[in-house]
Amino acid sequence: MAQSNLNYPEIFAVLGKFIAEKKLHDVCVMEFEDGIIVAGSVVYEGRETIRRAQETFVLSSQDLEKMSGGKRGLFTR
């Protein structure tokens, strides 16, 4: 995302919904040239055990625009 005028409020609104849907905890968000990396923990509870697994998602700018319902302007030059 080398663009200079990113619409961070909209991007983080989309990411917030994504993080909630995936039920991620201890989340780390990293920006890269053409998207965002989201890493976090997912807790799996069984009858007698609780297990934590690390999940990582690489989301391109196109992925994020699709997730926003096709909103344009998340990534402007």
Protein backbone atom coordinates (compact mmCIF):
# COMPACT_ATOMS: atom_id res chain seq x y z
CA MET A 1 0.00 0.00 0.00
CA ALA A 2 2.49 2.53 -1.12
CA GLN A 3 -0.29 5.06 -1.58
CA SER A 4 0.09 8.23 0.42
CA ASN A 5 -3.53 8.91 1.45
CA LEU A 6 -4.91 5.73 2.93
CA ASN A 7 -8.37 5.89 4.45
CA TYR A 8 -7.34 4.33 7.77
CA PRO A 9 -10.70 4.76 9.55
CA GLU A 10 -12.43 2.77 6.80
CA ILE A 11 -9.62 0.20 6.59
CA PHE A 12 -9.71 -0.41 10.34
CA ALA A 13 -13.52 -0.64 10.31
CA VAL A 14 -13.22 -3.44 7.73
CA LEU A 15 -10.40 -5.08 9.70
CA GLY A 16 -12.40 -4.85 12.94
CA LYS A 17 -15.29 -6.79 11.39
CA PHE A 18 -12.86 -9.36 9.96
CA ILE A 19 -11.10 -9.82 13.32
CA ALA A 20 -14.43 -10.21 15.12
CA GLU A 21 -15.69 -12.77 12.58
CA LYS A 22 -12.50 -14.82 12.93
CA LYS A 23 -12.66 -14.47 16.75
CA LEU A 24 -9.02 -13.41 16.93
CA HIS A 25 -7.29 -12.40 20.18
CA ASP A 26 -3.90 -10.76 20.73
CA VAL A 27 -4.00 -9.27 17.25
CA CYS A 28 -1.12 -7.73 15.31
CA VAL A 29 -1.79 -5.71 12.14
CA MET A 30 1.07 -4.98 9.75
CA GLU A 31 0.91 -2.89 6.61
CA PHE A 32 2.89 -3.89 3.53
CA GLU A 33 3.18 -2.48 0.03
CA ASP A 34 -0.13 -3.78 -1.33
CA GLY A 35 -2.15 -4.85 1.68
CA ILE A 36 -2.29 -5.82 5.31
CA ILE A 37 -1.17 -8.82 7.33
CA VAL A 38 -3.36 -9.76 10.30
CA ALA A 39 -2.02 -12.21 12.86
CA GLY A 40 -3.78 -13.32 16.01
CA SER A 41 -4.63 -16.18 18.32
CA VAL A 42 -7.75 -18.30 18.16
CA VAL A 43 -8.89 -20.16 21.27
CA TYR A 44 -10.43 -23.60 20.76
CA GLU A 45 -12.27 -25.01 23.75
CA GLY A 46 -12.92 -28.72 24.01
CA ARG A 47 -14.69 -30.64 26.76
CA GLU A 48 -11.55 -30.97 28.82
CA THR A 49 -8.95 -28.82 27.09
CA ILE A 50 -8.38 -25.32 25.84
CA ARG A 51 -6.08 -24.92 22.88
CA ARG A 52 -4.69 -21.74 21.36
CA ALA A 53 -3.56 -21.55 17.72
CA GLN A 54 -1.87 -18.75 15.81
CA GLU A 55 -3.61 -17.65 12.59
CA THR A 56 -2.14 -15.33 9.95
CA PHE A 57 -4.04 -13.74 7.06
CA VAL A 58 -2.54 -11.79 4.15
CA LEU A 59 -5.13 -9.41 2.72
CA SER A 60 -4.42 -7.48 -0.47
CA SER A 61 -5.87 -4.04 -1.12
CA GLN A 62 -8.33 -5.74 -3.50
CA ASP A 63 -9.37 -8.19 -0.76
CA LEU A 64 -10.03 -5.29 1.61
CA GLU A 65 -12.06 -3.40 -0.98
CA LYS A 66 -14.19 -6.53 -1.56
CA MET A 67 -14.62 -6.94 2.21
CA SER A 68 -15.80 -3.34 2.42
CA GLY A 69 -18.63 -4.06 0.01
CA GLY A 70 -16.74 -2.74 -2.99
CA LYS A 71 -16.15 0.69 -1.47
CA ARG A 72 -13.67 2.62 -3.52
CA GLY A 73 -11.35 5.12 -1.96
CA LEU A 74 -9.84 2.94 0.77
CA PHE A 75 -6.57 3.18 -1.09
CA THR A 76 -6.08 6.46 -2.90
CA ARG A 77 -2.97 7.88 -4.46
